[in-house]
Amino acid sequence: MGHQESFIRMNKSKDFNSLVSVIRMQGEARFEEATPVVVITLNKPIRGNLLYQCDPSKYHFKAGEQFVYISGERSGQRSAWDFFENCEGIDDLYLEDLEIYFAECFPVEEIFENPEFATYEDFPW
C-alpha cells in the first residue's frame, strides 16, 4: 500500500497520557501496520502548510501539545480503528477522540532537527 508517517493525539479529552498508556498496554507486537516511534512535544505553535492542502485553520496546534509519531503502512494510519485494528478492549468513544494527521501537514524537518521547535523522546514501551 505504501509507507506513511503520521502524528496522533487525543482531541476532546486532551488526555495524552491515556493514549500512551493504552498503546503501551496493548504491547508493541500489536502494532504491525503502523508503529509508535517517538513522543513529540511542541515548543512552538505550528500551522498547516497550504502547499500540501493542509488548511492552516484545521491544522493549528499550540506550544505544549503532544503527539505520538507513528511510521509504517499507510493502511494502518487512515483512522483510529485502523491503527488499533489488532488490539482488544478499546472503546469506540475513545477511538472517536483520537486524531491522526499525515506528516505532510507538519514541518517534520523543524520538529526533528530544531529543539527550539519541538522535543521528542523514544516511545516508552
N, C-alpha and C. Protein backbone atom coordinates (compact mmCIF):
# COMPACT_ATOMS: atom_id res chain seq x y z
N MET A 1 0.82 -1.19 0.00
CA MET A 1 0.00 0.00 0.00
C MET A 1 0.86 1.26 0.00
N GLY A 2 1.93 1.28 0.81
CA GLY A 2 2.81 2.43 0.84
C GLY A 2 3.17 2.85 2.24
N HIS A 3 4.32 3.47 2.36
CA HIS A 3 4.81 3.93 3.66
C HIS A 3 4.20 5.29 3.99
N GLN A 4 3.89 5.49 5.26
CA GLN A 4 3.32 6.76 5.73
C GLN A 4 3.86 7.06 7.11
N GLU A 5 3.99 8.33 7.41
CA GLU A 5 4.33 8.77 8.75
C GLU A 5 3.24 9.72 9.20
N SER A 6 2.83 9.60 10.47
CA SER A 6 1.71 10.40 10.97
C SER A 6 1.95 10.83 12.40
N PHE A 7 1.15 11.80 12.81
CA PHE A 7 1.13 12.29 14.18
C PHE A 7 -0.25 11.99 14.74
N ILE A 8 -0.33 11.40 15.94
CA ILE A 8 -1.63 11.12 16.53
C ILE A 8 -1.73 11.80 17.89
N ARG A 9 -2.96 12.17 18.25
CA ARG A 9 -3.21 12.80 19.55
C ARG A 9 -4.67 12.59 19.93
N MET A 10 -4.97 12.91 21.18
CA MET A 10 -6.35 12.92 21.64
C MET A 10 -6.90 14.32 21.39
N ASN A 11 -8.15 14.42 20.97
CA ASN A 11 -8.72 15.72 20.67
C ASN A 11 -9.49 16.28 21.85
N LYS A 12 -10.68 15.76 22.10
CA LYS A 12 -11.57 16.35 23.10
C LYS A 12 -11.08 16.16 24.52
N SER A 13 -10.65 14.97 24.84
CA SER A 13 -10.27 14.70 26.23
C SER A 13 -8.94 15.35 26.59
N LYS A 14 -8.10 15.59 25.60
CA LYS A 14 -6.77 16.16 25.82
C LYS A 14 -5.93 15.33 26.79
N ASP A 15 -6.32 14.07 27.00
CA ASP A 15 -5.59 13.21 27.92
C ASP A 15 -4.54 12.41 27.16
N PHE A 16 -3.44 13.06 26.86
CA PHE A 16 -2.39 12.44 26.09
C PHE A 16 -1.78 11.24 26.80
N ASN A 17 -1.62 11.33 28.12
CA ASN A 17 -1.03 10.23 28.87
C ASN A 17 -1.85 8.95 28.74
N SER A 18 -3.18 9.10 28.62
CA SER A 18 -4.01 7.90 28.45
C SER A 18 -3.74 7.24 27.10
N LEU A 19 -3.47 8.05 26.08
CA LEU A 19 -3.15 7.49 24.76
C LEU A 19 -1.87 6.66 24.83
N VAL A 20 -0.85 7.21 25.46
CA VAL A 20 0.42 6.49 25.61
C VAL A 20 0.19 5.21 26.41
N SER A 21 -0.60 5.30 27.48
CA SER A 21 -0.87 4.12 28.32
C SER A 21 -1.62 3.03 27.56
N VAL A 22 -2.63 3.43 26.79
CA VAL A 22 -3.41 2.45 26.02
C VAL A 22 -2.51 1.73 25.01
N ILE A 23 -1.67 2.47 24.32
CA ILE A 23 -0.76 1.85 23.36
C ILE A 23 0.19 0.90 24.07
N ARG A 24 0.76 1.34 25.18
CA ARG A 24 1.71 0.50 25.94
C ARG A 24 1.04 -0.77 26.45
N MET A 25 -0.20 -0.65 26.96
CA MET A 25 -0.90 -1.83 27.48
C MET A 25 -1.17 -2.85 26.39
N GLN A 26 -1.40 -2.38 25.16
CA GLN A 26 -1.66 -3.30 24.05
C GLN A 26 -0.39 -4.05 23.66
N GLY A 27 0.75 -3.41 23.82
CA GLY A 27 2.03 -4.05 23.52
C GLY A 27 2.51 -3.79 22.11
N GLU A 28 3.80 -3.71 21.97
CA GLU A 28 4.43 -3.37 20.69
C GLU A 28 4.07 -4.33 19.57
N ALA A 29 3.89 -5.60 19.87
CA ALA A 29 3.60 -6.60 18.85
C ALA A 29 2.25 -6.38 18.16
N ARG A 30 1.34 -5.67 18.80
CA ARG A 30 0.01 -5.43 18.21
C ARG A 30 0.04 -4.41 17.08
N PHE A 31 1.11 -3.65 16.99
CA PHE A 31 1.16 -2.56 16.02
C PHE A 31 2.07 -2.94 14.86
N GLU A 32 1.59 -3.87 14.04
CA GLU A 32 2.36 -4.37 12.91
C GLU A 32 2.31 -3.41 11.72
N GLU A 33 1.16 -2.80 11.50
CA GLU A 33 0.97 -1.92 10.35
C GLU A 33 1.66 -0.57 10.54
N ALA A 34 1.42 0.05 11.68
CA ALA A 34 1.98 1.37 11.98
C ALA A 34 2.51 1.34 13.40
N THR A 35 3.78 1.66 13.56
CA THR A 35 4.45 1.52 14.84
C THR A 35 4.69 2.87 15.50
N PRO A 36 4.32 3.03 16.77
CA PRO A 36 4.68 4.24 17.50
C PRO A 36 6.20 4.33 17.63
N VAL A 37 6.75 5.49 17.29
CA VAL A 37 8.20 5.66 17.26
C VAL A 37 8.67 6.60 18.38
N VAL A 38 8.11 7.80 18.43
CA VAL A 38 8.52 8.78 19.43
C VAL A 38 7.32 9.55 19.95
N VAL A 39 7.51 10.18 21.11
CA VAL A 39 6.54 11.12 21.68
C VAL A 39 7.11 12.51 21.44
N ILE A 40 6.29 13.38 20.86
CA ILE A 40 6.73 14.72 20.49
C ILE A 40 5.97 15.75 21.31
N THR A 41 6.69 16.75 21.80
CA THR A 41 6.09 17.89 22.48
C THR A 41 6.48 19.14 21.70
N LEU A 42 5.48 19.89 21.25
CA LEU A 42 5.76 21.12 20.51
C LEU A 42 6.25 22.21 21.47
N ASN A 43 7.31 22.88 21.10
CA ASN A 43 7.81 24.01 21.86
C ASN A 43 7.36 25.33 21.25
N LYS A 44 6.89 25.27 20.02
CA LYS A 44 6.35 26.43 19.31
C LYS A 44 5.04 26.01 18.65
N PRO A 45 4.12 26.94 18.45
CA PRO A 45 2.89 26.59 17.74
C PRO A 45 3.20 26.31 16.27
N ILE A 46 2.37 25.48 15.65
CA ILE A 46 2.53 25.20 14.22
C ILE A 46 1.18 25.32 13.52
N ARG A 47 1.26 25.59 12.24
CA ARG A 47 0.07 25.65 11.38
C ARG A 47 0.34 24.79 10.16
N GLY A 48 -0.74 24.31 9.56
CA GLY A 48 -0.62 23.53 8.34
C GLY A 48 -0.01 24.33 7.21
N ASN A 49 0.37 23.63 6.17
CA ASN A 49 1.02 24.23 5.02
C ASN A 49 0.11 24.05 3.81
N LEU A 50 -0.36 25.14 3.24
CA LEU A 50 -1.28 25.05 2.10
C LEU A 50 -0.66 24.37 0.89
N LEU A 51 0.67 24.33 0.85
CA LEU A 51 1.35 23.63 -0.23
C LEU A 51 0.88 22.18 -0.32
N TYR A 52 0.57 21.59 0.83
CA TYR A 52 0.14 20.19 0.88
C TYR A 52 -1.37 20.06 1.12
N GLN A 53 -2.14 21.10 0.84
CA GLN A 53 -3.58 21.11 1.04
C GLN A 53 -3.95 20.85 2.51
N CYS A 54 -3.15 21.35 3.41
CA CYS A 54 -3.40 21.21 4.84
C CYS A 54 -3.84 22.56 5.37
N ASP A 55 -5.13 22.78 5.40
CA ASP A 55 -5.73 24.05 5.78
C ASP A 55 -5.22 24.51 7.15
N PRO A 56 -4.52 25.66 7.21
CA PRO A 56 -3.99 26.14 8.49
C PRO A 56 -5.06 26.35 9.56
N SER A 57 -6.31 26.59 9.15
CA SER A 57 -7.35 26.75 10.17
C SER A 57 -7.71 25.42 10.83
N LYS A 58 -7.43 24.31 10.17
CA LYS A 58 -7.71 22.99 10.74
C LYS A 58 -6.46 22.36 11.35
N TYR A 59 -5.30 22.74 10.86
CA TYR A 59 -4.04 22.19 11.33
C TYR A 59 -3.29 23.29 12.08
N HIS A 60 -3.79 23.61 13.26
CA HIS A 60 -3.18 24.63 14.10
C HIS A 60 -3.02 24.05 15.50
N PHE A 61 -1.79 23.98 15.97
CA PHE A 61 -1.51 23.35 17.25
C PHE A 61 -0.65 24.28 18.10
N LYS A 62 -0.98 24.36 19.37
CA LYS A 62 -0.30 25.27 20.30
C LYS A 62 0.97 24.64 20.86
N ALA A 63 1.86 25.50 21.33
CA ALA A 63 3.04 25.02 22.05
C ALA A 63 2.57 24.21 23.25
N GLY A 64 3.27 23.12 23.52
CA GLY A 64 2.91 22.24 24.63
C GLY A 64 2.08 21.04 24.22
N GLU A 65 1.48 21.10 23.02
CA GLU A 65 0.69 19.94 22.57
C GLU A 65 1.62 18.77 22.31
N GLN A 66 1.08 17.57 22.56
CA GLN A 66 1.88 16.36 22.40
C GLN A 66 1.25 15.42 21.38
N PHE A 67 2.11 14.67 20.72
CA PHE A 67 1.71 13.71 19.70
C PHE A 67 2.55 12.45 19.83
N VAL A 68 1.99 11.34 19.37
CA VAL A 68 2.79 10.14 19.15
C VAL A 68 3.05 10.11 17.65
N TYR A 69 4.31 10.02 17.29
CA TYR A 69 4.72 9.94 15.89
C TYR A 69 4.75 8.47 15.52
N ILE A 70 4.00 8.10 14.47
CA ILE A 70 3.93 6.71 14.04
C ILE A 70 4.45 6.58 12.61
N SER A 71 4.95 5.40 12.29
CA SER A 71 5.53 5.16 10.98
C SER A 71 5.20 3.74 10.55
N GLY A 72 4.90 3.58 9.27
CA GLY A 72 4.63 2.24 8.76
C GLY A 72 3.67 2.26 7.59
N GLU A 73 2.92 1.20 7.47
CA GLU A 73 1.99 1.01 6.36
C GLU A 73 0.87 2.06 6.42
N ARG A 74 0.63 2.71 5.30
CA ARG A 74 -0.40 3.75 5.22
C ARG A 74 -1.77 3.24 5.66
N SER A 75 -2.09 2.01 5.31
CA SER A 75 -3.42 1.48 5.63
C SER A 75 -3.67 1.41 7.14
N GLY A 76 -2.63 1.37 7.95
CA GLY A 76 -2.80 1.34 9.40
C GLY A 76 -2.91 2.71 10.02
N GLN A 77 -2.96 3.75 9.18
CA GLN A 77 -2.97 5.11 9.70
C GLN A 77 -4.13 5.94 9.17
N ARG A 78 -5.07 5.31 8.54
CA ARG A 78 -6.18 6.07 7.94
C ARG A 78 -7.25 6.46 8.94
N SER A 79 -7.33 5.72 10.03
CA SER A 79 -8.31 6.04 11.08
C SER A 79 -7.83 5.42 12.39
N ALA A 80 -8.45 5.85 13.48
CA ALA A 80 -8.12 5.26 14.79
C ALA A 80 -8.43 3.77 14.79
N TRP A 81 -9.51 3.38 14.12
CA TRP A 81 -9.90 1.96 14.06
C TRP A 81 -8.84 1.16 13.31
N ASP A 82 -8.28 1.73 12.25
CA ASP A 82 -7.21 1.05 11.52
C ASP A 82 -5.95 0.93 12.38
N PHE A 83 -5.61 2.00 13.09
CA PHE A 83 -4.40 1.99 13.92
C PHE A 83 -4.49 0.93 15.02
N PHE A 84 -5.66 0.81 15.65
CA PHE A 84 -5.85 -0.14 16.75
C PHE A 84 -6.49 -1.45 16.28
N GLU A 85 -6.41 -1.75 15.00
CA GLU A 85 -7.08 -2.91 14.41
C GLU A 85 -6.75 -4.23 15.11
N ASN A 86 -5.53 -4.45 15.49
CA ASN A 86 -5.12 -5.71 16.11
C ASN A 86 -5.20 -5.68 17.63
N CYS A 87 -5.87 -4.68 18.17
CA CYS A 87 -5.94 -4.50 19.62
C CYS A 87 -7.32 -4.88 20.14
N GLU A 88 -7.38 -5.15 21.44
CA GLU A 88 -8.64 -5.56 22.06
C GLU A 88 -9.00 -4.63 23.21
N GLY A 89 -10.31 -4.49 23.45
CA GLY A 89 -10.80 -3.79 24.62
C GLY A 89 -10.73 -2.28 24.56
N ILE A 90 -10.72 -1.71 23.37
CA ILE A 90 -10.67 -0.25 23.25
C ILE A 90 -12.05 0.23 22.84
N ASP A 91 -12.62 1.09 23.65
CA ASP A 91 -13.97 1.61 23.47
C ASP A 91 -14.07 2.51 22.23
N ASP A 92 -15.19 2.41 21.51
CA ASP A 92 -15.39 3.25 20.33
C ASP A 92 -15.36 4.74 20.67
N LEU A 93 -15.88 5.13 21.83
CA LEU A 93 -15.84 6.54 22.22
C LEU A 93 -14.41 7.03 22.34
N TYR A 94 -13.54 6.17 22.83
CA TYR A 94 -12.12 6.52 22.92
C TYR A 94 -11.54 6.71 21.52
N LEU A 95 -11.87 5.79 20.62
CA LEU A 95 -11.35 5.87 19.26
C LEU A 95 -11.86 7.11 18.53
N GLU A 96 -13.09 7.51 18.82
CA GLU A 96 -13.64 8.70 18.18
C GLU A 96 -12.89 9.97 18.58
N ASP A 97 -12.22 9.93 19.73
CA ASP A 97 -11.49 11.09 20.23
C ASP A 97 -10.05 11.15 19.71
N LEU A 98 -9.60 10.12 19.03
CA LEU A 98 -8.23 10.05 18.53
C LEU A 98 -8.16 10.71 17.15
N GLU A 99 -7.16 11.54 16.95
CA GLU A 99 -6.97 12.20 15.65
C GLU A 99 -5.63 11.78 15.06
N ILE A 100 -5.63 11.53 13.76
CA ILE A 100 -4.42 11.15 13.04
C ILE A 100 -4.18 12.18 11.94
N TYR A 101 -2.97 12.71 11.90
CA TYR A 101 -2.60 13.71 10.91
C TYR A 101 -1.40 13.18 10.12
N PHE A 102 -1.53 13.11 8.81
CA PHE A 102 -0.40 12.69 8.00
C PHE A 102 0.73 13.71 8.13
N ALA A 103 1.96 13.23 8.10
CA ALA A 103 3.14 14.07 8.33
C ALA A 103 3.28 15.19 7.31
N GLU A 104 2.68 15.05 6.13
CA GLU A 104 2.78 16.09 5.11
C GLU A 104 2.26 17.43 5.60
N CYS A 105 1.40 17.40 6.61
CA CYS A 105 0.80 18.63 7.13
C CYS A 105 1.62 19.26 8.25
N PHE A 106 2.77 18.70 8.55
CA PHE A 106 3.60 19.19 9.64
C PHE A 106 4.99 19.55 9.13
N PRO A 107 5.65 20.51 9.77
CA PRO A 107 7.03 20.84 9.42
C PRO A 107 7.99 19.82 10.04
N VAL A 108 8.02 18.64 9.47
CA VAL A 108 8.73 17.50 10.06
C VAL A 108 10.21 17.78 10.28
N GLU A 109 10.86 18.41 9.32
CA GLU A 109 12.28 18.69 9.48
C GLU A 109 12.53 19.58 10.68
N GLU A 110 11.72 20.61 10.84
CA GLU A 110 11.86 21.50 12.00
C GLU A 110 11.63 20.74 13.30
N ILE A 111 10.61 19.91 13.32
CA ILE A 111 10.27 19.17 14.54
C ILE A 111 11.43 18.28 14.98
N PHE A 112 12.07 17.60 14.04
CA PHE A 112 13.12 16.66 14.40
C PHE A 112 14.53 17.24 14.42
N GLU A 113 14.72 18.42 13.84
CA GLU A 113 16.07 18.97 13.76
C GLU A 113 16.28 20.24 14.58
N ASN A 114 15.23 20.83 15.09
CA ASN A 114 15.35 22.10 15.81
C ASN A 114 14.72 21.96 17.20
N PRO A 115 15.54 21.79 18.25
CA PRO A 115 14.99 21.60 19.59
C PRO A 115 14.22 22.81 20.12
N GLU A 116 14.40 23.98 19.51
CA GLU A 116 13.58 25.12 19.91
C GLU A 116 12.16 24.96 19.40
N PHE A 117 12.00 24.18 18.36
CA PHE A 117 10.70 23.97 17.72
C PHE A 117 9.90 22.87 18.42
N ALA A 118 10.56 21.76 18.73
CA ALA A 118 9.90 20.62 19.39
C ALA A 118 10.96 19.74 20.03
N THR A 119 10.54 18.98 21.02
CA THR A 119 11.41 17.98 21.62
C THR A 119 10.74 16.62 21.45
N TYR A 120 11.55 15.58 21.46
CA TYR A 120 10.98 14.25 21.31
C TYR A 120 11.82 13.23 22.05
N GLU A 121 11.17 12.12 22.38
CA GLU A 121 11.85 11.01 23.04
C GLU A 121 11.27 9.71 22.50
N ASP A 122 12.05 8.65 22.55
CA ASP A 122 11.57 7.35 22.07
C ASP A 122 10.27 6.98 22.76
N PHE A 123 9.40 6.30 22.02
CA PHE A 123 8.14 5.86 22.63
C PHE A 123 8.47 4.94 23.81
N PRO A 124 7.85 5.16 24.96
CA PRO A 124 8.20 4.41 26.19
C PRO A 124 7.55 3.03 26.28
N TRP A 125 8.01 2.11 25.49
CA TRP A 125 7.44 0.76 25.55
C TRP A 125 7.70 0.16 26.91
